[in-house]
Amino acid sequence: GTVCVVGKMRDLILQLSKSSIYSTKPFVSLRAG
């Protein structure tokens, strides 16, 4: 139940972050640490 929902939400967040990474370079540097 909740685990599946969390997994789907995480997948969406990952996809959004991946797509936004290309448009926001500073964000990548921050994430890279």
PDB file of N, CA and C in Angstrom:
ATOM      1  N   GLY A   1       0.815  -1.209   0.000  1.00  0.00           N
ATOM      2  CA  GLY A   1       0.000   0.000   0.000  1.00  0.00           C
ATOM      3  C   GLY A   1       0.849   1.258   0.000  1.00  0.00           C
ATOM      4  N   THR A   2       1.234   1.707   1.185  1.00  0.00           N
ATOM      5  CA  THR A   2       1.985   2.961   1.289  1.00  0.00           C
ATOM      6  C   THR A   2       3.351   2.828   0.627  1.00  0.00           C
ATOM      7  N   VAL A   3       3.962   1.666   0.743  1.00  0.00           N
ATOM      8  CA  VAL A   3       5.291   1.459   0.156  1.00  0.00           C
ATOM      9  C   VAL A   3       5.246   1.700  -1.346  1.00  0.00           C
ATOM     10  N   CYS A   4       4.213   1.180  -2.008  1.00  0.00           N
ATOM     11  CA  CYS A   4       4.075   1.358  -3.460  1.00  0.00           C
ATOM     12  C   CYS A   4       3.934   2.832  -3.797  1.00  0.00           C
ATOM     13  N   VAL A   5       3.134   3.540  -3.002  1.00  0.00           N
ATOM     14  CA  VAL A   5       2.923   4.971  -3.238  1.00  0.00           C
ATOM     15  C   VAL A   5       4.243   5.723  -3.104  1.00  0.00           C
ATOM     16  N   VAL A   6       4.990   5.410  -2.055  1.00  0.00           N
ATOM     17  CA  VAL A   6       6.279   6.079  -1.826  1.00  0.00           C
ATOM     18  C   VAL A   6       7.219   5.799  -2.993  1.00  0.00           C
ATOM     19  N   GLY A   7       7.217   4.568  -3.466  1.00  0.00           N
ATOM     20  CA  GLY A   7       8.076   4.206  -4.591  1.00  0.00           C
ATOM     21  C   GLY A   7       7.720   4.996  -5.831  1.00  0.00           C
ATOM     22  N   LYS A   8       6.419   5.126  -6.093  1.00  0.00           N
ATOM     23  CA  LYS A   8       5.978   5.884  -7.276  1.00  0.00           C
ATOM     24  C   LYS A   8       6.365   7.347  -7.135  1.00  0.00           C
ATOM     25  N   MET A   9       6.164   7.893  -5.932  1.00  0.00           N
ATOM     26  CA  MET A   9       6.507   9.297  -5.698  1.00  0.00           C
ATOM     27  C   MET A   9       8.000   9.511  -5.907  1.00  0.00           C
ATOM     28  N   ARG A  10       8.794   8.564  -5.418  1.00  0.00           N
ATOM     29  CA  ARG A  10      10.251   8.678  -5.552  1.00  0.00           C
ATOM     30  C   ARG A  10      10.646   8.637  -7.024  1.00  0.00           C
ATOM     31  N   ASP A  11       9.997   7.745  -7.786  1.00  0.00           N
ATOM     32  CA  ASP A  11      10.290   7.643  -9.219  1.00  0.00           C
ATOM     33  C   ASP A  11       9.996   8.968  -9.907  1.00  0.00           C
ATOM     34  N   LEU A  12       8.850   9.573  -9.560  1.00  0.00           N
ATOM     35  CA  LEU A  12       8.471  10.850 -10.174  1.00  0.00           C
ATOM     36  C   LEU A  12       9.486  11.929  -9.819  1.00  0.00           C
ATOM     37  N   ILE A  13       9.888  11.957  -8.553  1.00  0.00           N
ATOM     38  CA  ILE A  13      10.860  12.960  -8.102  1.00  0.00           C
ATOM     39  C   ILE A  13      12.185  12.774  -8.829  1.00  0.00           C
ATOM     40  N   LEU A  14      12.612  11.511  -8.976  1.00  0.00           N
ATOM     41  CA  LEU A  14      13.870  11.236  -9.669  1.00  0.00           C
ATOM     42  C   LEU A  14      13.795  11.706 -11.110  1.00  0.00           C
ATOM     43  N   GLN A  15      12.677  11.415 -11.770  1.00  0.00           N
ATOM     44  CA  GLN A  15      12.502  11.822 -13.168  1.00  0.00           C
ATOM     45  C   GLN A  15      12.532  13.341 -13.284  1.00  0.00           C
ATOM     46  N   LEU A  16      11.833  14.020 -12.369  1.00  0.00           N
ATOM     47  CA  LEU A  16      11.787  15.484 -12.404  1.00  0.00           C
ATOM     48  C   LEU A  16      13.174  16.059 -12.148  1.00  0.00           C
ATOM     49  N   SER A  17      13.886  15.479 -11.188  1.00  0.00           N
ATOM     50  CA  SER A  17      15.226  15.975 -10.862  1.00  0.00           C
ATOM     51  C   SER A  17      16.172  15.766 -12.041  1.00  0.00           C
ATOM     52  N   LYS A  18      16.056  14.601 -12.697  1.00  0.00           N
ATOM     53  CA  LYS A  18      16.922  14.322 -13.850  1.00  0.00           C
ATOM     54  C   LYS A  18      16.671  15.319 -14.966  1.00  0.00           C
ATOM     55  N   SER A  19      15.391  15.613 -15.232  1.00  0.00           N
ATOM     56  CA  SER A  19      15.047  16.535 -16.316  1.00  0.00           C
ATOM     57  C   SER A  19      15.440  17.966 -15.950  1.00  0.00           C
ATOM     58  N   SER A  20      15.331  18.309 -14.670  1.00  0.00           N
ATOM     59  CA  SER A  20      15.654  19.669 -14.235  1.00  0.00           C
ATOM     60  C   SER A  20      17.164  19.872 -14.157  1.00  0.00           C
ATOM     61  N   ILE A  21      17.914  18.785 -13.965  1.00  0.00           N
ATOM     62  CA  ILE A  21      19.377  18.869 -13.874  1.00  0.00           C
ATOM     63  C   ILE A  21      19.947  19.531 -15.125  1.00  0.00           C
ATOM     64  N   TYR A  22      19.403  19.185 -16.277  1.00  0.00           N
ATOM     65  CA  TYR A  22      19.920  19.727 -17.537  1.00  0.00           C
ATOM     66  C   TYR A  22      19.689  21.230 -17.629  1.00  0.00           C
ATOM     67  N   SER A  23      18.621  21.714 -17.005  1.00  0.00           N
ATOM     68  CA  SER A  23      18.287  23.140 -17.096  1.00  0.00           C
ATOM     69  C   SER A  23      18.912  23.923 -15.943  1.00  0.00           C
ATOM     70  N   THR A  24      19.238  23.231 -14.839  1.00  0.00           N
ATOM     71  CA  THR A  24      19.818  23.913 -13.684  1.00  0.00           C
ATOM     72  C   THR A  24      21.172  23.296 -13.352  1.00  0.00           C
ATOM     73  N   LYS A  25      22.231  23.899 -13.851  1.00  0.00           N
ATOM     74  CA  LYS A  25      23.573  23.364 -13.614  1.00  0.00           C
ATOM     75  C   LYS A  25      24.037  23.569 -12.165  1.00  0.00           C
ATOM     76  N   PRO A  26      23.775  24.738 -11.564  1.00  0.00           N
ATOM     77  CA  PRO A  26      24.193  24.967 -10.173  1.00  0.00           C
ATOM     78  C   PRO A  26      23.644  23.900  -9.229  1.00  0.00           C
ATOM     79  N   PHE A  27      22.412  23.448  -9.515  1.00  0.00           N
ATOM     80  CA  PHE A  27      21.785  22.443  -8.665  1.00  0.00           C
ATOM     81  C   PHE A  27      22.593  21.153  -8.688  1.00  0.00           C
ATOM     82  N   VAL A  28      23.149  20.823  -9.845  1.00  0.00           N
ATOM     83  CA  VAL A  28      23.936  19.596  -9.989  1.00  0.00           C
ATOM     84  C   VAL A  28      25.191  19.683  -9.132  1.00  0.00           C
ATOM     85  N   SER A  29      25.857  20.828  -9.178  1.00  0.00           N
ATOM     86  CA  SER A  29      27.089  21.004  -8.413  1.00  0.00           C
ATOM     87  C   SER A  29      26.803  20.856  -6.921  1.00  0.00           C
ATOM     88  N   LEU A  30      25.662  21.383  -6.485  1.00  0.00           N
ATOM     89  CA  LEU A  30      25.296  21.275  -5.075  1.00  0.00           C
ATOM     90  C   LEU A  30      25.033  19.821  -4.708  1.00  0.00           C
ATOM     91  N   ARG A  31      24.353  19.105  -5.610  1.00  0.00           N
ATOM     92  CA  ARG A  31      24.031  17.705  -5.345  1.00  0.00           C
ATOM     93  C   ARG A  31      25.303  16.867  -5.353  1.00  0.00           C
ATOM     94  N   ALA A  32      26.229  17.194  -6.257  1.00  0.00           N
ATOM     95  CA  ALA A  32      27.466  16.424  -6.365  1.00  0.00           C
ATOM     96  C   ALA A  32      28.290  16.576  -5.085  1.00  0.00           C
ATOM     97  N   GLY A  33      28.096  17.684  -4.392  1.00  0.00           N
ATOM     98  CA  GLY A  33      28.794  17.892  -3.149  1.00  0.00           C
ATOM     99  C   GLY A  33      30.218  18.363  -3.378  1.00  0.00           C
TER     100      GLY A  33
END
